[in-house]
Amino acid sequence: MEVELRYGRDGLKLEVPDENLIGVLHMNPLPPLDDPEGEVARALEEPIGSPPLRKLARGKRSACVVVSDITRPVPNGVILPPLLDALEEAGIPKDRITILIATGIHRPNEGEELVELLGEEVAGNYRVVNHRARVREEQVLVGHTSRGTPVWIDGEYLRAELRVLTGLVEPHLMAGFSGGRKALCPGIAGLETVKVMHSPKVLEHPNAREGVLEGNPFHEEILEMARMVGVDFILNVGLSEDRRITGIFAGDLEEAHLEAVRFVRRQVEVVLPEPADVVLTTSAGYPLDLTFYQAVKGYTAALPAVEEGGTIVLAARCEEGLGGPEFSELIRTMTPEGLMREIWREDFFVVGQWQAEELCRALRKAEAFLFSEGVDPEDVGAWVRPFPSLEEALAEALKRYGPSAKLAVVPEGPYVLPVIRR
């Protein structure tokens, strides 16, 4: 049969052998909202576990609204205008509202990219600031968590009298699910905080993975940070496979986020009758597969679906190449074995090492094949096996397991949580 995969901006179509196919895992369809703008306005007036946003904003002289960066397909053009209108109608002047882009340690979003990210009206009429995690003087040390993690947060956020987090709730390879507290860390956290939260002592925990909140040290730690720092209101959304809004969750940091997680879990958990020898997957296309750094999420999300010793075949466009300079150099010069030897040393740290460590997690269970038009095969050869075409990669993977090889296809990559139910 022919399958259509999320790849770059345009997608890919591929014929896969019916005799090997045990499942094509799509998100469970939920109807998109007929009037998303109206539903956002309603959610702001009737939030979950919180007074209405207008009531919270009354008497405040300034506000900071945190938004995800360009690597997340958040429909800001839909959700921001009603939110900003509510703030202004409550008495906060437009020139006292800051849009803070939660870049984490990613590059800044500027120029035309800002218009794509925020919409022309918002980009042109509000003060927009990129978080810069590496600029120490722009961060403020709020304190330390109960585990001793220093909590450095962007001063723009802390100076505002009203603090709002926005974002998309989706499976996340470390935090279980994105959204809610994750906009704060790593979104607008300083590098010293990110270093600890992305260290092996957190990431090597078996519960620091997709779909898990309970007992997940990453989730628990950033939730504690959010309580320390203070979050007045959140606005999160769930999206369908075609990136339309299916749910809006506004209000209290914890209550609204947990309701969003319950909703999104119904969308993304998809049953597979047995593990597959080969999983053909993606990193969900643009914007999530802009870089190889981001594309690693496609490998880790496929792990529940693949048999021990199986093969994950990933298609990721990577139009911006490997990613940031430090991560790129690490991938070019180190091996998975070398990284795992070094990473536990107190004096070893490379920005982006955590994503390479996540790739190592995938490689412990399965071999990784890659088709990408944006990555030089020589750069990634120590980590994954690159192929000049997706057809060749899939054929080679299936050949390894013989005529009865079991194949599963996950066209949306990390937006799907495979569940084995025999």
Foldseek 3Di string as FASTA:
>chain_A
DWDWFAAAPPTDIDDDDPLQEQAADFWDDFDFDPQLLVVLLVCQCVADPAHRPLVVLAPFAAEEEEEEAFLALDPQVRNVPSVVVSNVVSPHDQARYEYEYQQLQADDQDDVSLCVRHNPVDSPRHHYYYAHQAPQVQWDFLDAFPVGQTWTFGPVQLPGPAYEYEEEWFWDAFQQIDFQLVCGVSRGTHPSRVCVLLACVQNVPPQRGHNHHVPRPSNVRSVRSCVSRDHFKYWYFYAHLVGGTNDIHMGDRPRSVVVNSVVLCSGFEDEGAAAFLEEEHELQYPPQLLALLSGLLLLRLCVQRHAFAGEYEYEYANQVYHGDPQRLVCLQPDALVRLVVPRPDPPDDTVSSSSVPSLSVSVNGYAYEYEYPRYDQNSRVRRHHYDPDSVVVVVVRQVVVPPNGHYYYHSRRRRHRYDHDD
